[in-house]
Amino acid sequence: MRNNHSRKLQEGRGLIFNVFVLLSCIGLYGQEQNDVEEGSTSADSKLTITDFAYPRTWLSSEQHASFTMNYKIKPGLFFELQGDYDTYLLADVFRMPFVTKLYISDKLYLLSGIELEMERDKMQIDLPPPQLKFKNGWGYDIRSNFSLEVEYDLHFNKSIYGAYGTPSLLSVHGKFRF
């Protein structure tokens, strides 16, 4: 009796494995392959869109996503719209800066714009109202995939809440694109 049960268990495992392999093959070979034609992306393109996200993991319930849209007005002048969405234990945070970038040389640019930051309260802890910020700064493209930026944020909303209580913020950060 016991031998019969273990044999059926092994057959069931073998069937599950075969179904998994079959579905994997269908998934791999059933997708249409689209090759990018040479020259289809151009340095003269007016609109570029980049995004990044990673989902929740089994260790954490956090999720982070961002996008950047650049629109070339004329050579050396760009509009940039960003969006960042982060989920945390206590709140979800959405940040959307809109800046204008003016290149004053091949690699050095000035930036100016506004930013709106909002939070969604998950735990009913009375989070601050949406924050409005005025941004100024400069950036330098060290390489085509790496740049440094210095930004000064002036917060219009006054608040007693932690980081929101500061009237302004100076930040230095790097951007690595890959």
N, C-alpha and C. Protein backbone atom coordinates (compact mmCIF):
# COMPACT_ATOMS: atom_id res chain seq x y z
N MET A 1 0.83 -1.20 0.00
CA MET A 1 0.00 0.00 0.00
C MET A 1 0.87 1.25 0.00
N ARG A 2 1.88 1.25 0.88
CA ARG A 2 2.75 2.41 0.98
C ARG A 2 3.55 2.62 -0.30
N ASN A 3 4.00 1.53 -0.93
CA ASN A 3 4.73 1.61 -2.19
C ASN A 3 3.87 2.21 -3.30
N ASN A 4 2.61 1.86 -3.33
CA ASN A 4 1.68 2.37 -4.32
C ASN A 4 1.48 3.88 -4.15
N HIS A 5 1.38 4.32 -2.88
CA HIS A 5 1.18 5.74 -2.59
C HIS A 5 2.41 6.56 -3.01
N SER A 6 3.63 6.09 -2.71
CA SER A 6 4.83 6.84 -3.07
C SER A 6 5.02 6.86 -4.59
N ARG A 7 4.61 5.78 -5.28
CA ARG A 7 4.71 5.75 -6.74
C ARG A 7 3.77 6.79 -7.36
N LYS A 8 2.54 6.91 -6.84
CA LYS A 8 1.59 7.89 -7.34
C LYS A 8 2.08 9.31 -7.05
N LEU A 9 2.72 9.51 -5.90
CA LEU A 9 3.27 10.81 -5.55
C LEU A 9 4.37 11.20 -6.52
N GLN A 10 5.25 10.25 -6.86
CA GLN A 10 6.33 10.53 -7.82
C GLN A 10 5.77 10.80 -9.21
N GLU A 11 4.74 10.07 -9.61
CA GLU A 11 4.11 10.32 -10.91
C GLU A 11 3.48 11.71 -10.94
N GLY A 12 2.86 12.12 -9.84
CA GLY A 12 2.26 13.45 -9.75
C GLY A 12 3.31 14.54 -9.84
N ARG A 13 4.43 14.34 -9.17
CA ARG A 13 5.53 15.31 -9.25
C ARG A 13 6.09 15.39 -10.66
N GLY A 14 6.23 14.23 -11.30
CA GLY A 14 6.73 14.20 -12.67
C GLY A 14 5.78 14.92 -13.62
N LEU A 15 4.47 14.75 -13.43
CA LEU A 15 3.49 15.43 -14.26
C LEU A 15 3.56 16.95 -14.06
N ILE A 16 3.69 17.39 -12.80
CA ILE A 16 3.81 18.81 -12.50
C ILE A 16 5.06 19.39 -13.15
N PHE A 17 6.17 18.66 -13.06
CA PHE A 17 7.41 19.12 -13.67
C PHE A 17 7.26 19.24 -15.19
N ASN A 18 6.66 18.23 -15.82
CA ASN A 18 6.47 18.26 -17.28
C ASN A 18 5.57 19.41 -17.70
N VAL A 19 4.51 19.68 -16.96
CA VAL A 19 3.62 20.79 -17.28
C VAL A 19 4.37 22.11 -17.13
N PHE A 20 5.18 22.25 -16.08
CA PHE A 20 5.98 23.46 -15.87
C PHE A 20 6.94 23.68 -17.04
N VAL A 21 7.64 22.64 -17.48
CA VAL A 21 8.58 22.75 -18.60
C VAL A 21 7.83 23.12 -19.87
N LEU A 22 6.68 22.51 -20.11
CA LEU A 22 5.89 22.82 -21.31
C LEU A 22 5.44 24.27 -21.31
N LEU A 23 4.92 24.76 -20.19
CA LEU A 23 4.46 26.15 -20.11
C LEU A 23 5.63 27.12 -20.24
N SER A 24 6.78 26.77 -19.69
CA SER A 24 7.96 27.63 -19.83
C SER A 24 8.39 27.72 -21.29
N CYS A 25 8.37 26.61 -21.99
CA CYS A 25 8.75 26.62 -23.41
C CYS A 25 7.77 27.44 -24.22
N ILE A 26 6.48 27.29 -23.94
CA ILE A 26 5.48 28.08 -24.65
C ILE A 26 5.70 29.55 -24.39
N GLY A 27 6.00 29.91 -23.14
CA GLY A 27 6.24 31.31 -22.79
C GLY A 27 7.48 31.87 -23.46
N LEU A 28 8.54 31.06 -23.55
CA LEU A 28 9.78 31.53 -24.16
C LEU A 28 9.69 31.64 -25.67
N TYR A 29 9.12 30.64 -26.32
CA TYR A 29 9.11 30.60 -27.77
C TYR A 29 7.84 31.14 -28.39
N GLY A 30 6.83 31.40 -27.59
CA GLY A 30 5.57 31.90 -28.11
C GLY A 30 5.50 33.41 -28.20
N GLN A 31 6.51 34.09 -27.66
CA GLN A 31 6.51 35.55 -27.71
C GLN A 31 7.11 36.03 -29.02
N GLU A 32 6.52 37.07 -29.55
CA GLU A 32 7.01 37.63 -30.80
C GLU A 32 8.26 38.45 -30.51
N GLN A 33 9.29 38.27 -31.32
CA GLN A 33 10.52 39.00 -31.13
C GLN A 33 10.52 40.22 -32.03
N ASN A 34 10.73 41.38 -31.44
CA ASN A 34 10.79 42.63 -32.19
C ASN A 34 12.21 43.16 -32.13
N ASP A 35 12.88 43.17 -33.25
CA ASP A 35 14.23 43.71 -33.30
C ASP A 35 14.15 45.21 -33.57
N VAL A 36 15.00 45.96 -32.90
CA VAL A 36 15.07 47.39 -33.12
C VAL A 36 15.88 47.64 -34.37
N GLU A 37 15.29 48.37 -35.30
CA GLU A 37 15.98 48.67 -36.53
C GLU A 37 17.11 49.66 -36.27
N GLU A 38 18.18 49.47 -36.99
CA GLU A 38 19.32 50.37 -36.85
C GLU A 38 18.91 51.78 -37.26
N GLY A 39 19.20 52.75 -36.43
CA GLY A 39 18.89 54.12 -36.73
C GLY A 39 17.47 54.53 -36.36
N SER A 40 16.69 53.64 -35.71
CA SER A 40 15.32 54.00 -35.36
C SER A 40 15.28 54.94 -34.16
N THR A 41 16.30 54.88 -33.30
CA THR A 41 16.39 55.85 -32.22
C THR A 41 17.43 56.87 -32.62
N SER A 42 17.12 58.11 -32.44
CA SER A 42 17.97 59.17 -32.94
C SER A 42 18.32 60.14 -31.82
N ALA A 43 19.49 60.71 -31.89
CA ALA A 43 19.88 61.72 -30.91
C ALA A 43 19.06 62.99 -31.10
N ASP A 44 18.42 63.13 -32.27
CA ASP A 44 17.61 64.30 -32.54
C ASP A 44 16.16 64.14 -32.08
N SER A 45 15.84 63.05 -31.42
CA SER A 45 14.49 62.82 -30.95
C SER A 45 14.11 63.90 -29.93
N LYS A 46 12.91 64.46 -30.06
CA LYS A 46 12.48 65.53 -29.17
C LYS A 46 12.02 65.02 -27.81
N LEU A 47 11.43 63.83 -27.77
CA LEU A 47 10.87 63.29 -26.53
C LEU A 47 11.59 62.01 -26.15
N THR A 48 12.08 61.96 -24.92
CA THR A 48 12.66 60.73 -24.38
C THR A 48 11.96 60.40 -23.08
N ILE A 49 11.70 59.12 -22.89
CA ILE A 49 11.01 58.66 -21.69
C ILE A 49 11.82 57.52 -21.09
N THR A 50 12.10 57.61 -19.81
CA THR A 50 12.77 56.53 -19.09
C THR A 50 11.95 56.21 -17.85
N ASP A 51 12.05 54.96 -17.39
CA ASP A 51 11.33 54.58 -16.18
C ASP A 51 12.10 53.50 -15.45
N PHE A 52 11.72 53.33 -14.21
CA PHE A 52 12.36 52.33 -13.35
C PHE A 52 11.36 51.94 -12.28
N ALA A 53 11.33 50.67 -11.94
CA ALA A 53 10.45 50.22 -10.86
C ALA A 53 10.94 48.88 -10.35
N TYR A 54 10.68 48.64 -9.10
CA TYR A 54 10.82 47.28 -8.59
C TYR A 54 9.65 47.01 -7.67
N PRO A 55 9.10 45.81 -7.76
CA PRO A 55 7.87 45.49 -7.04
C PRO A 55 8.11 45.10 -5.60
N ARG A 56 7.02 44.86 -4.95
CA ARG A 56 7.08 44.38 -3.57
C ARG A 56 7.78 43.03 -3.53
N THR A 57 8.48 42.79 -2.46
CA THR A 57 9.14 41.51 -2.28
C THR A 57 8.48 40.80 -1.10
N TRP A 58 8.81 39.55 -0.91
CA TRP A 58 8.20 38.80 0.19
C TRP A 58 8.74 39.25 1.54
N LEU A 59 9.87 39.95 1.55
CA LEU A 59 10.42 40.44 2.83
C LEU A 59 9.85 41.79 3.22
N SER A 60 9.34 42.55 2.25
CA SER A 60 8.90 43.91 2.51
C SER A 60 7.66 44.20 1.68
N SER A 61 6.86 45.12 2.14
CA SER A 61 5.69 45.51 1.36
C SER A 61 5.94 46.81 0.61
N GLU A 62 7.19 47.24 0.51
CA GLU A 62 7.51 48.48 -0.17
C GLU A 62 7.56 48.28 -1.69
N GLN A 63 7.20 49.34 -2.40
CA GLN A 63 7.27 49.36 -3.85
C GLN A 63 7.77 50.73 -4.26
N HIS A 64 8.66 50.77 -5.25
CA HIS A 64 9.25 52.03 -5.69
C HIS A 64 9.21 52.09 -7.21
N ALA A 65 8.79 53.23 -7.74
CA ALA A 65 8.71 53.40 -9.19
C ALA A 65 8.98 54.86 -9.53
N SER A 66 9.57 55.08 -10.69
CA SER A 66 9.82 56.45 -11.13
C SER A 66 9.84 56.51 -12.65
N PHE A 67 9.56 57.69 -13.18
CA PHE A 67 9.67 57.91 -14.61
C PHE A 67 10.23 59.31 -14.84
N THR A 68 10.82 59.51 -16.00
CA THR A 68 11.33 60.81 -16.41
C THR A 68 10.98 61.02 -17.88
N MET A 69 10.39 62.16 -18.17
CA MET A 69 10.09 62.54 -19.55
C MET A 69 10.84 63.83 -19.86
N ASN A 70 11.68 63.79 -20.87
CA ASN A 70 12.42 64.97 -21.34
C ASN A 70 11.88 65.38 -22.70
N TYR A 71 11.63 66.66 -22.86
CA TYR A 71 11.17 67.18 -24.14
C TYR A 71 12.11 68.29 -24.57
N LYS A 72 12.68 68.14 -25.76
CA LYS A 72 13.64 69.11 -26.29
C LYS A 72 12.88 70.23 -26.99
N ILE A 73 12.95 71.44 -26.44
CA ILE A 73 12.30 72.60 -27.03
C ILE A 73 13.12 73.10 -28.21
N LYS A 74 14.40 73.31 -27.96
CA LYS A 74 15.36 73.69 -28.99
C LYS A 74 16.72 73.22 -28.49
N PRO A 75 17.75 73.25 -29.29
CA PRO A 75 19.05 72.77 -28.82
C PRO A 75 19.48 73.48 -27.53
N GLY A 76 19.71 72.70 -26.50
CA GLY A 76 20.17 73.25 -25.22
C GLY A 76 19.06 73.64 -24.26
N LEU A 77 17.78 73.49 -24.63
CA LEU A 77 16.67 73.84 -23.75
C LEU A 77 15.70 72.66 -23.67
N PHE A 78 15.47 72.16 -22.47
CA PHE A 78 14.64 70.98 -22.25
C PHE A 78 13.62 71.23 -21.14
N PHE A 79 12.45 70.62 -21.29
CA PHE A 79 11.49 70.49 -20.20
C PHE A 79 11.62 69.07 -19.67
N GLU A 80 11.60 68.92 -18.34
CA GLU A 80 11.71 67.60 -17.75
C GLU A 80 10.60 67.42 -16.72
N LEU A 81 9.83 66.36 -16.86
CA LEU A 81 8.78 65.99 -15.92
C LEU A 81 9.15 64.66 -15.31
N GLN A 82 9.17 64.61 -13.99
CA GLN A 82 9.51 63.36 -13.30
C GLN A 82 8.33 62.96 -12.42
N GLY A 83 8.28 61.71 -12.10
CA GLY A 83 7.30 61.21 -11.15
C GLY A 83 7.93 60.10 -10.34
N ASP A 84 7.80 60.17 -9.04
CA ASP A 84 8.32 59.14 -8.15
C ASP A 84 7.18 58.68 -7.25
N TYR A 85 6.98 57.36 -7.16
CA TYR A 85 5.95 56.80 -6.31
C TYR A 85 6.61 55.76 -5.42
N ASP A 86 6.50 55.93 -4.11
CA ASP A 86 7.09 55.02 -3.15
C ASP A 86 6.03 54.62 -2.13
N THR A 87 5.97 53.33 -1.83
CA THR A 87 5.07 52.86 -0.78
C THR A 87 5.91 52.47 0.43
N TYR A 88 5.45 52.86 1.57
CA TYR A 88 6.11 52.54 2.83
C TYR A 88 5.06 51.99 3.80
N LEU A 89 5.48 51.61 4.98
CA LEU A 89 4.58 51.03 5.97
C LEU A 89 3.51 52.03 6.41
N LEU A 90 3.89 53.28 6.65
CA LEU A 90 2.96 54.27 7.18
C LEU A 90 2.25 55.09 6.12
N ALA A 91 2.89 55.28 4.96
CA ALA A 91 2.30 56.16 3.95
C ALA A 91 2.83 55.83 2.57
N ASP A 92 2.09 56.27 1.55
CA ASP A 92 2.54 56.24 0.15
C ASP A 92 2.93 57.67 -0.21
N VAL A 93 4.05 57.82 -0.90
CA VAL A 93 4.56 59.14 -1.24
C VAL A 93 4.62 59.27 -2.76
N PHE A 94 4.04 60.36 -3.29
CA PHE A 94 4.12 60.66 -4.72
C PHE A 94 4.75 62.03 -4.86
N ARG A 95 5.79 62.11 -5.69
CA ARG A 95 6.54 63.36 -5.89
C ARG A 95 6.62 63.62 -7.38
N MET A 96 6.33 64.86 -7.79
CA MET A 96 6.35 65.20 -9.21
C MET A 96 7.03 66.55 -9.44
N PRO A 97 8.32 66.54 -9.77
CA PRO A 97 9.00 67.79 -10.15
C PRO A 97 8.85 68.07 -11.65
N PHE A 98 8.71 69.33 -11.97
CA PHE A 98 8.66 69.80 -13.36
C PHE A 98 9.71 70.91 -13.47
N VAL A 99 10.78 70.65 -14.23
CA VAL A 99 11.88 71.61 -14.32
C VAL A 99 12.22 71.91 -15.77
N THR A 100 12.84 73.05 -15.96
CA THR A 100 13.40 73.46 -17.24
C THR A 100 14.91 73.39 -17.12
N LYS A 101 15.55 72.77 -18.09
CA LYS A 101 17.01 72.68 -18.10
C LYS A 101 17.56 73.48 -19.27
N LEU A 102 18.50 74.35 -18.98
CA LEU A 102 19.14 75.18 -19.99
C LEU A 102 20.63 74.87 -19.99
N TYR A 103 21.11 74.28 -21.08
CA TYR A 103 22.54 73.97 -21.20
C TYR A 103 23.28 75.23 -21.58
N ILE A 104 24.28 75.58 -20.76
CA ILE A 104 25.09 76.76 -21.07
C ILE A 104 26.43 76.36 -21.69
N SER A 105 26.70 75.06 -21.70
CA SER A 105 27.83 74.49 -22.44
C SER A 105 27.42 73.07 -22.84
N ASP A 106 28.34 72.32 -23.40
CA ASP A 106 28.00 70.95 -23.82
C ASP A 106 27.61 70.06 -22.65
N LYS A 107 28.16 70.32 -21.47
CA LYS A 107 27.93 69.44 -20.33
C LYS A 107 27.31 70.13 -19.11
N LEU A 108 27.40 71.43 -19.01
CA LEU A 108 26.91 72.17 -17.85
C LEU A 108 25.53 72.76 -18.13
N TYR A 109 24.59 72.56 -17.18
CA TYR A 109 23.24 73.10 -17.37
C TYR A 109 22.71 73.70 -16.06
N LEU A 110 21.79 74.63 -16.23
CA LEU A 110 21.07 75.23 -15.12
C LEU A 110 19.66 74.65 -15.12
N LEU A 111 19.07 74.51 -13.93
CA LEU A 111 17.71 73.99 -13.87
C LEU A 111 16.87 74.84 -12.93
N SER A 112 15.58 74.93 -13.23
CA SER A 112 14.65 75.69 -12.42
C SER A 112 13.25 75.12 -12.64
N GLY A 113 12.45 75.06 -11.57
CA GLY A 113 11.10 74.54 -11.72
C GLY A 113 10.38 74.43 -10.39
N ILE A 114 9.31 73.66 -10.40
CA ILE A 114 8.50 73.45 -9.20
C ILE A 114 8.35 71.95 -8.95
N GLU A 115 7.97 71.62 -7.73
CA GLU A 115 7.76 70.23 -7.35
C GLU A 115 6.57 70.14 -6.40
N LEU A 116 5.75 69.13 -6.60
CA LEU A 116 4.63 68.85 -5.72
C LEU A 116 4.87 67.48 -5.09
N GLU A 117 4.73 67.42 -3.76
CA GLU A 117 4.89 66.15 -3.06
C GLU A 117 3.65 65.90 -2.21
N MET A 118 3.06 64.72 -2.41
CA MET A 118 1.85 64.36 -1.67
C MET A 118 2.04 63.01 -1.00
N GLU A 119 1.35 62.83 0.11
CA GLU A 119 1.39 61.56 0.82
C GLU A 119 -0.01 61.04 1.06
N ARG A 120 -0.14 59.72 0.98
CA ARG A 120 -1.41 59.07 1.30
C ARG A 120 -1.23 58.37 2.63
N ASP A 121 -2.02 58.75 3.59
CA ASP A 121 -1.93 58.24 4.96
C ASP A 121 -2.52 56.84 5.03
N LYS A 122 -1.72 55.84 5.41
CA LYS A 122 -2.21 54.48 5.54
C LYS A 122 -2.62 54.14 6.97
N MET A 123 -2.00 54.78 7.93
CA MET A 123 -2.19 54.40 9.34
C MET A 123 -2.93 55.46 10.15
N GLN A 124 -3.54 56.43 9.49
CA GLN A 124 -4.30 57.49 10.16
C GLN A 124 -3.43 58.23 11.20
N ILE A 125 -2.23 58.68 10.78
CA ILE A 125 -1.33 59.38 11.69
C ILE A 125 -1.26 60.87 11.40
N ASP A 126 -2.22 61.37 10.61
CA ASP A 126 -2.33 62.80 10.36
C ASP A 126 -1.06 63.36 9.69
N LEU A 127 -0.81 62.92 8.47
CA LEU A 127 0.35 63.38 7.72
C LEU A 127 0.14 64.82 7.24
N PRO A 128 1.22 65.51 6.86
CA PRO A 128 1.11 66.91 6.44
C PRO A 128 0.37 67.04 5.11
N PRO A 129 -0.12 68.23 4.81
CA PRO A 129 -0.78 68.46 3.51
C PRO A 129 0.25 68.42 2.39
N PRO A 130 -0.19 68.40 1.13
CA PRO A 130 0.77 68.40 0.01
C PRO A 130 1.75 69.57 0.11
N GLN A 131 2.98 69.28 -0.26
CA GLN A 131 4.06 70.26 -0.18
C GLN A 131 4.38 70.81 -1.56
N LEU A 132 4.53 72.11 -1.68
CA LEU A 132 4.91 72.76 -2.92
C LEU A 132 6.32 73.33 -2.74
N LYS A 133 7.20 73.04 -3.69
CA LYS A 133 8.60 73.45 -3.60
C LYS A 133 9.02 74.16 -4.88
N PHE A 134 9.90 75.12 -4.74
CA PHE A 134 10.51 75.79 -5.89
C PHE A 134 11.94 75.29 -5.97
N LYS A 135 12.37 74.81 -7.15
CA LYS A 135 13.68 74.19 -7.32
C LYS A 135 14.58 75.03 -8.22
N ASN A 136 15.82 75.16 -7.82
CA ASN A 136 16.87 75.80 -8.63
C ASN A 136 18.13 74.97 -8.47
N GLY A 137 19.00 75.03 -9.45
CA GLY A 137 20.25 74.32 -9.32
C GLY A 137 21.02 74.27 -10.62
N TRP A 138 22.01 73.40 -10.62
CA TRP A 138 22.83 73.20 -11.80
C TRP A 138 23.26 71.74 -11.85
N GLY A 139 23.64 71.30 -13.03
CA GLY A 139 24.09 69.93 -13.21
C GLY A 139 25.24 69.88 -14.19
N TYR A 140 25.96 68.79 -14.14
CA TYR A 140 27.09 68.60 -15.02
C TYR A 140 27.09 67.15 -15.49
N ASP A 141 27.06 66.95 -16.82
CA ASP A 141 27.12 65.61 -17.41
C ASP A 141 28.57 65.18 -17.52
N ILE A 142 29.00 64.34 -16.58
CA ILE A 142 30.39 63.87 -16.58
C ILE A 142 30.62 62.96 -17.78
N ARG A 143 29.72 62.01 -17.98
CA ARG A 143 29.72 61.12 -19.15
C ARG A 143 28.29 61.05 -19.67
N SER A 144 28.09 60.35 -20.75
CA SER A 144 26.73 60.27 -21.31
C SER A 144 25.78 59.51 -20.38
N ASN A 145 26.31 58.68 -19.47
CA ASN A 145 25.44 57.93 -18.58
C ASN A 145 25.61 58.31 -17.10
N PHE A 146 26.34 59.37 -16.81
CA PHE A 146 26.53 59.77 -15.41
C PHE A 146 26.57 61.29 -15.30
N SER A 147 25.76 61.83 -14.39
CA SER A 147 25.74 63.29 -14.18
C SER A 147 25.62 63.59 -12.69
N LEU A 148 26.07 64.77 -12.32
CA LEU A 148 25.95 65.26 -10.94
C LEU A 148 25.06 66.49 -10.94
N GLU A 149 24.22 66.62 -9.91
CA GLU A 149 23.33 67.78 -9.79
C GLU A 149 23.38 68.34 -8.38
N VAL A 150 23.31 69.65 -8.30
CA VAL A 150 23.18 70.37 -7.04
C VAL A 150 21.85 71.11 -7.12
N GLU A 151 20.95 70.85 -6.16
CA GLU A 151 19.62 71.46 -6.18
C GLU A 151 19.35 72.19 -4.87
N TYR A 152 18.66 73.29 -4.98
CA TYR A 152 18.19 74.04 -3.83
C TYR A 152 16.67 74.06 -3.90
N ASP A 153 16.01 73.48 -2.89
CA ASP A 153 14.55 73.44 -2.82
C ASP A 153 14.07 74.45 -1.80
N LEU A 154 13.18 75.32 -2.21
CA LEU A 154 12.55 76.28 -1.30
C LEU A 154 11.13 75.80 -1.06
N HIS A 155 10.81 75.45 0.18
CA HIS A 155 9.48 74.93 0.54
C HIS A 155 8.56 76.10 0.83
N PHE A 156 7.42 76.14 0.14
CA PHE A 156 6.45 77.21 0.37
C PHE A 156 5.57 76.92 1.57
N ASN A 157 5.23 75.67 1.80
CA ASN A 157 4.36 75.31 2.91
C ASN A 157 5.20 75.20 4.17
N LYS A 158 4.78 75.86 5.21
CA LYS A 158 5.47 75.74 6.50
C LYS A 158 4.77 74.65 7.28
N SER A 159 5.55 73.81 7.94
CA SER A 159 4.98 72.69 8.66
C SER A 159 5.85 72.37 9.86
N ILE A 160 5.25 71.78 10.86
CA ILE A 160 6.00 71.37 12.04
C ILE A 160 6.42 69.91 11.94
N TYR A 161 6.12 69.26 10.82
CA TYR A 161 6.39 67.84 10.66
C TYR A 161 7.81 67.60 10.16
N GLY A 162 8.65 67.04 10.95
CA GLY A 162 9.97 66.53 10.57
C GLY A 162 10.66 67.28 9.45
N ALA A 163 10.93 66.56 8.35
CA ALA A 163 11.64 67.14 7.22
C ALA A 163 10.84 68.25 6.57
N TYR A 164 9.51 68.24 6.74
CA TYR A 164 8.69 69.29 6.15
C TYR A 164 8.79 70.60 6.93
N GLY A 165 9.39 70.56 8.10
CA GLY A 165 9.55 71.77 8.89
C GLY A 165 10.68 72.64 8.41
N THR A 166 11.52 72.13 7.54
CA THR A 166 12.64 72.92 7.03
C THR A 166 12.17 73.83 5.91
N PRO A 167 12.53 75.10 5.93
CA PRO A 167 12.08 76.01 4.88
C PRO A 167 12.80 75.80 3.55
N SER A 168 13.97 75.14 3.58
CA SER A 168 14.70 74.92 2.34
C SER A 168 15.62 73.72 2.50
N LEU A 169 16.11 73.23 1.37
CA LEU A 169 16.96 72.04 1.38
C LEU A 169 17.95 72.14 0.24
N LEU A 170 19.22 71.90 0.53
CA LEU A 170 20.27 71.84 -0.49
C LEU A 170 20.68 70.38 -0.63
N SER A 171 20.64 69.86 -1.84
CA SER A 171 21.00 68.46 -2.05
C SER A 171 21.99 68.33 -3.20
N VAL A 172 22.88 67.37 -3.08
CA VAL A 172 23.84 67.02 -4.12
C VAL A 172 23.63 65.54 -4.41
N HIS A 173 23.38 65.21 -5.66
CA HIS A 173 23.16 63.81 -6.00
C HIS A 173 23.68 63.52 -7.40
N GLY A 174 23.93 62.25 -7.63
CA GLY A 174 24.39 61.78 -8.93
C GLY A 174 23.32 60.93 -9.60
N LYS A 175 23.33 60.92 -10.91
CA LYS A 175 22.41 60.09 -11.69
C LYS A 175 23.24 59.19 -12.58
N PHE A 176 23.02 57.90 -12.43
CA PHE A 176 23.72 56.91 -13.25
C PHE A 176 22.68 56.22 -14.11
N ARG A 177 22.79 56.34 -15.42
CA ARG A 177 21.84 55.72 -16.35
C ARG A 177 22.50 54.51 -16.99
N PHE A 178 21.77 53.41 -17.00
CA PHE A 178 22.29 52.20 -17.63
C PHE A 178 21.20 51.49 -18.36
